[in-house]
Amino acid sequence: MKTATIPSIRVLPAFREQVESSLREGETLSEFVEQSVRTALQRRRDQSEFVARGIASLNAARQNKDYVDSVVVIDDLQRKLDAAKATLAKRRT
């Protein structure tokens, strides 16, 4: 299979120096850029898959009626926090 190139980008000389100074022994700038692009691509794929799984899980929970609305959860947590604060206030008096 024939290889292709990734478009070159223009950066400030100071940034290029920073990148070059971070290269490992024997590593080229091209290898570093390629690995960086691969890593970013994998991260984006992982994020997309994570969001898709989350949406599917949410939809399944709603269909199965195994779902608690966030407003209900927050209200419950607020009641628990208020009760804990009241208990601490009583202990201090």
N, C-alpha and C. Protein backbone atom coordinates (compact mmCIF):
# COMPACT_ATOMS: atom_id res chain seq x y z
N MET A 1 0.85 -1.17 0.00
CA MET A 1 0.00 0.00 0.00
C MET A 1 0.90 1.24 0.00
N LYS A 2 0.51 2.21 -0.77
CA LYS A 2 1.26 3.45 -0.87
C LYS A 2 1.01 4.31 0.38
N THR A 3 2.05 4.94 0.88
CA THR A 3 1.89 5.80 2.06
C THR A 3 1.47 7.20 1.64
N ALA A 4 0.95 7.93 2.61
CA ALA A 4 0.52 9.32 2.39
C ALA A 4 1.18 10.18 3.46
N THR A 5 1.10 11.47 3.28
CA THR A 5 1.68 12.38 4.26
C THR A 5 0.57 13.13 4.98
N ILE A 6 0.88 13.53 6.20
CA ILE A 6 0.01 14.41 6.97
C ILE A 6 0.49 15.82 6.68
N PRO A 7 -0.42 16.74 6.43
CA PRO A 7 0.01 18.10 6.10
C PRO A 7 0.93 18.68 7.17
N SER A 8 1.95 19.38 6.72
CA SER A 8 2.85 20.04 7.66
C SER A 8 2.13 21.26 8.24
N ILE A 9 2.56 21.65 9.40
CA ILE A 9 1.95 22.82 10.05
C ILE A 9 3.04 23.82 10.41
N ARG A 10 2.66 25.06 10.44
CA ARG A 10 3.60 26.11 10.82
C ARG A 10 3.43 26.39 12.31
N VAL A 11 4.56 26.44 12.99
CA VAL A 11 4.56 26.75 14.42
C VAL A 11 5.65 27.77 14.70
N LEU A 12 5.56 28.41 15.82
CA LEU A 12 6.61 29.34 16.22
C LEU A 12 7.89 28.57 16.51
N PRO A 13 9.02 29.17 16.21
CA PRO A 13 10.30 28.48 16.46
C PRO A 13 10.45 28.01 17.91
N ALA A 14 9.98 28.80 18.85
CA ALA A 14 10.11 28.41 20.26
C ALA A 14 9.33 27.13 20.55
N PHE A 15 8.16 26.98 19.94
CA PHE A 15 7.37 25.77 20.15
C PHE A 15 8.07 24.56 19.54
N ARG A 16 8.62 24.74 18.35
CA ARG A 16 9.34 23.63 17.71
C ARG A 16 10.52 23.21 18.59
N GLU A 17 11.22 24.17 19.15
CA GLU A 17 12.34 23.86 20.04
C GLU A 17 11.87 23.06 21.25
N GLN A 18 10.72 23.44 21.81
CA GLN A 18 10.17 22.70 22.95
C GLN A 18 9.89 21.25 22.56
N VAL A 19 9.26 21.08 21.40
CA VAL A 19 8.94 19.73 20.94
C VAL A 19 10.22 18.93 20.71
N GLU A 20 11.15 19.52 20.02
CA GLU A 20 12.40 18.81 19.74
C GLU A 20 13.16 18.46 21.02
N SER A 21 13.09 19.33 22.01
CA SER A 21 13.81 19.05 23.26
C SER A 21 13.14 17.92 24.06
N SER A 22 11.90 17.60 23.73
CA SER A 22 11.21 16.54 24.46
C SER A 22 11.34 15.17 23.78
N LEU A 23 11.98 15.14 22.63
CA LEU A 23 12.13 13.88 21.91
C LEU A 23 13.01 12.92 22.71
N ARG A 24 12.66 11.65 22.64
CA ARG A 24 13.47 10.63 23.30
C ARG A 24 14.67 10.30 22.43
N GLU A 25 15.63 9.62 23.03
CA GLU A 25 16.84 9.27 22.29
C GLU A 25 16.49 8.45 21.06
N GLY A 26 16.95 8.89 19.91
CA GLY A 26 16.71 8.18 18.66
C GLY A 26 15.36 8.46 18.02
N GLU A 27 14.50 9.21 18.69
CA GLU A 27 13.17 9.52 18.15
C GLU A 27 13.27 10.72 17.22
N THR A 28 12.57 10.63 16.10
CA THR A 28 12.56 11.76 15.16
C THR A 28 11.32 12.60 15.40
N LEU A 29 11.37 13.80 14.89
CA LEU A 29 10.22 14.69 14.99
C LEU A 29 9.02 14.09 14.26
N SER A 30 9.27 13.48 13.11
CA SER A 30 8.19 12.84 12.35
C SER A 30 7.54 11.71 13.14
N GLU A 31 8.34 10.90 13.82
CA GLU A 31 7.79 9.81 14.64
C GLU A 31 6.95 10.37 15.78
N PHE A 32 7.45 11.44 16.39
CA PHE A 32 6.72 12.07 17.48
C PHE A 32 5.37 12.59 17.01
N VAL A 33 5.36 13.28 15.88
CA VAL A 33 4.12 13.84 15.34
C VAL A 33 3.15 12.72 14.98
N GLU A 34 3.64 11.67 14.34
CA GLU A 34 2.77 10.55 13.96
C GLU A 34 2.15 9.91 15.21
N GLN A 35 2.97 9.67 16.23
CA GLN A 35 2.44 9.06 17.46
C GLN A 35 1.43 9.98 18.14
N SER A 36 1.69 11.27 18.11
CA SER A 36 0.77 12.23 18.71
C SER A 36 -0.58 12.22 18.01
N VAL A 37 -0.55 12.16 16.69
CA VAL A 37 -1.80 12.12 15.91
C VAL A 37 -2.54 10.82 16.19
N ARG A 38 -1.81 9.70 16.23
CA ARG A 38 -2.44 8.41 16.53
C ARG A 38 -3.11 8.42 17.91
N THR A 39 -2.40 8.99 18.89
CA THR A 39 -2.94 9.07 20.25
C THR A 39 -4.19 9.94 20.30
N ALA A 40 -4.16 11.07 19.64
CA ALA A 40 -5.33 11.96 19.61
C ALA A 40 -6.51 11.28 18.91
N LEU A 41 -6.23 10.58 17.84
CA LEU A 41 -7.29 9.87 17.11
C LEU A 41 -7.91 8.79 17.99
N GLN A 42 -7.10 8.02 18.69
CA GLN A 42 -7.63 6.98 19.58
C GLN A 42 -8.45 7.59 20.71
N ARG A 43 -7.98 8.71 21.27
CA ARG A 43 -8.71 9.39 22.34
C ARG A 43 -10.09 9.82 21.85
N ARG A 44 -10.16 10.35 20.64
CA ARG A 44 -11.45 10.77 20.09
C ARG A 44 -12.37 9.58 19.85
N ARG A 45 -11.80 8.48 19.37
CA ARG A 45 -12.62 7.27 19.18
C ARG A 45 -13.15 6.78 20.53
N ASP A 46 -12.27 6.74 21.52
CA ASP A 46 -12.68 6.29 22.86
C ASP A 46 -13.78 7.18 23.42
N GLN A 47 -13.64 8.49 23.26
CA GLN A 47 -14.66 9.42 23.75
C GLN A 47 -15.99 9.20 23.05
N SER A 48 -15.95 9.02 21.74
CA SER A 48 -17.19 8.79 20.98
C SER A 48 -17.86 7.51 21.42
N GLU A 49 -17.09 6.45 21.60
CA GLU A 49 -17.64 5.18 22.06
C GLU A 49 -18.21 5.30 23.47
N PHE A 50 -17.52 6.03 24.33
CA PHE A 50 -17.99 6.24 25.70
C PHE A 50 -19.34 6.94 25.71
N VAL A 51 -19.45 8.00 24.93
CA VAL A 51 -20.72 8.75 24.86
C VAL A 51 -21.83 7.86 24.30
N ALA A 52 -21.52 7.09 23.26
CA ALA A 52 -22.52 6.20 22.67
C ALA A 52 -23.00 5.17 23.69
N ARG A 53 -22.07 4.59 24.46
CA ARG A 53 -22.46 3.62 25.49
C ARG A 53 -23.31 4.29 26.56
N GLY A 54 -22.95 5.50 26.94
CA GLY A 54 -23.72 6.22 27.95
C GLY A 54 -25.14 6.51 27.50
N ILE A 55 -25.29 6.95 26.26
CA ILE A 55 -26.62 7.23 25.72
C ILE A 55 -27.44 5.95 25.62
N ALA A 56 -26.81 4.87 25.18
CA ALA A 56 -27.52 3.58 25.10
C ALA A 56 -27.96 3.12 26.48
N SER A 57 -27.10 3.28 27.46
CA SER A 57 -27.43 2.88 28.83
C SER A 57 -28.57 3.73 29.38
N LEU A 58 -28.53 5.01 29.12
CA LEU A 58 -29.61 5.90 29.56
C LEU A 58 -30.93 5.50 28.94
N ASN A 59 -30.92 5.25 27.63
CA ASN A 59 -32.15 4.85 26.94
C ASN A 59 -32.68 3.52 27.47
N ALA A 60 -31.79 2.57 27.73
CA ALA A 60 -32.21 1.28 28.27
C ALA A 60 -32.80 1.44 29.66
N ALA A 61 -32.18 2.27 30.48
CA ALA A 61 -32.69 2.50 31.84
C ALA A 61 -34.07 3.15 31.80
N ARG A 62 -34.26 4.08 30.90
CA ARG A 62 -35.58 4.72 30.78
C ARG A 62 -36.63 3.74 30.28
N GLN A 63 -36.26 2.89 29.33
CA GLN A 63 -37.20 1.89 28.81
C GLN A 63 -37.60 0.89 29.88
N ASN A 64 -36.64 0.48 30.70
CA ASN A 64 -36.90 -0.50 31.75
C ASN A 64 -37.47 0.13 33.01
N LYS A 65 -37.67 1.42 32.98
CA LYS A 65 -38.15 2.17 34.15
C LYS A 65 -37.20 2.01 35.34
N ASP A 66 -35.95 1.76 35.05
CA ASP A 66 -34.90 1.62 36.07
C ASP A 66 -34.06 2.89 36.03
N TYR A 67 -34.73 4.01 36.25
CA TYR A 67 -34.10 5.30 36.04
C TYR A 67 -34.59 6.26 37.11
N VAL A 68 -33.66 7.03 37.66
CA VAL A 68 -34.01 8.06 38.63
C VAL A 68 -33.58 9.38 38.03
N ASP A 69 -34.50 10.30 37.91
CA ASP A 69 -34.20 11.60 37.33
C ASP A 69 -33.18 12.35 38.18
N SER A 70 -32.34 13.10 37.56
CA SER A 70 -31.27 13.82 38.27
C SER A 70 -31.82 14.80 39.30
N VAL A 71 -32.96 15.40 39.03
CA VAL A 71 -33.56 16.35 39.98
C VAL A 71 -33.91 15.63 41.28
N VAL A 72 -34.42 14.42 41.18
CA VAL A 72 -34.76 13.63 42.36
C VAL A 72 -33.50 13.30 43.15
N VAL A 73 -32.46 12.90 42.47
CA VAL A 73 -31.19 12.55 43.13
C VAL A 73 -30.62 13.77 43.84
N ILE A 74 -30.60 14.90 43.17
CA ILE A 74 -30.04 16.13 43.76
C ILE A 74 -30.87 16.56 44.96
N ASP A 75 -32.18 16.49 44.86
CA ASP A 75 -33.04 16.84 46.00
C ASP A 75 -32.75 15.93 47.19
N ASP A 76 -32.60 14.63 46.95
CA ASP A 76 -32.31 13.69 48.02
C ASP A 76 -30.96 14.00 48.66
N LEU A 77 -29.96 14.28 47.84
CA LEU A 77 -28.65 14.62 48.37
C LEU A 77 -28.69 15.92 49.18
N GLN A 78 -29.48 16.89 48.71
CA GLN A 78 -29.59 18.15 49.44
C GLN A 78 -30.23 17.93 50.80
N ARG A 79 -31.27 17.08 50.87
CA ARG A 79 -31.90 16.77 52.16
C ARG A 79 -30.89 16.12 53.11
N LYS A 80 -30.09 15.20 52.60
CA LYS A 80 -29.08 14.54 53.43
C LYS A 80 -28.04 15.54 53.92
N LEU A 81 -27.63 16.45 53.05
CA LEU A 81 -26.66 17.47 53.44
C LEU A 81 -27.24 18.39 54.51
N ASP A 82 -28.48 18.81 54.31
CA ASP A 82 -29.13 19.68 55.30
C ASP A 82 -29.25 18.98 56.65
N ALA A 83 -29.58 17.68 56.63
CA ALA A 83 -29.69 16.93 57.88
C ALA A 83 -28.33 16.81 58.56
N ALA A 84 -27.29 16.57 57.80
CA ALA A 84 -25.95 16.46 58.37
C ALA A 84 -25.51 17.79 58.97
N LYS A 85 -25.81 18.89 58.30
CA LYS A 85 -25.46 20.21 58.82
C LYS A 85 -26.21 20.49 60.12
N ALA A 86 -27.48 20.10 60.16
CA ALA A 86 -28.29 20.31 61.38
C ALA A 86 -27.72 19.50 62.54
N THR A 87 -27.31 18.28 62.25
CA THR A 87 -26.72 17.43 63.30
C THR A 87 -25.44 18.05 63.83
N LEU A 88 -24.59 18.55 62.94
CA LEU A 88 -23.36 19.20 63.39
C LEU A 88 -23.64 20.46 64.19
N ALA A 89 -24.64 21.20 63.79
CA ALA A 89 -24.98 22.44 64.51
C ALA A 89 -25.45 22.12 65.92
N LYS A 90 -26.21 21.03 66.07
CA LYS A 90 -26.68 20.64 67.41
C LYS A 90 -25.53 20.21 68.30
N ARG A 91 -24.54 19.54 67.74
CA ARG A 91 -23.40 19.07 68.51
C ARG A 91 -22.57 20.24 69.02
N ARG A 92 -22.54 21.32 68.27
CA ARG A 92 -21.73 22.48 68.64
C ARG A 92 -22.37 23.33 69.73
N THR A 93 -23.65 23.14 69.96
CA THR A 93 -24.33 23.97 70.98
C THR A 93 -24.45 23.24 72.28
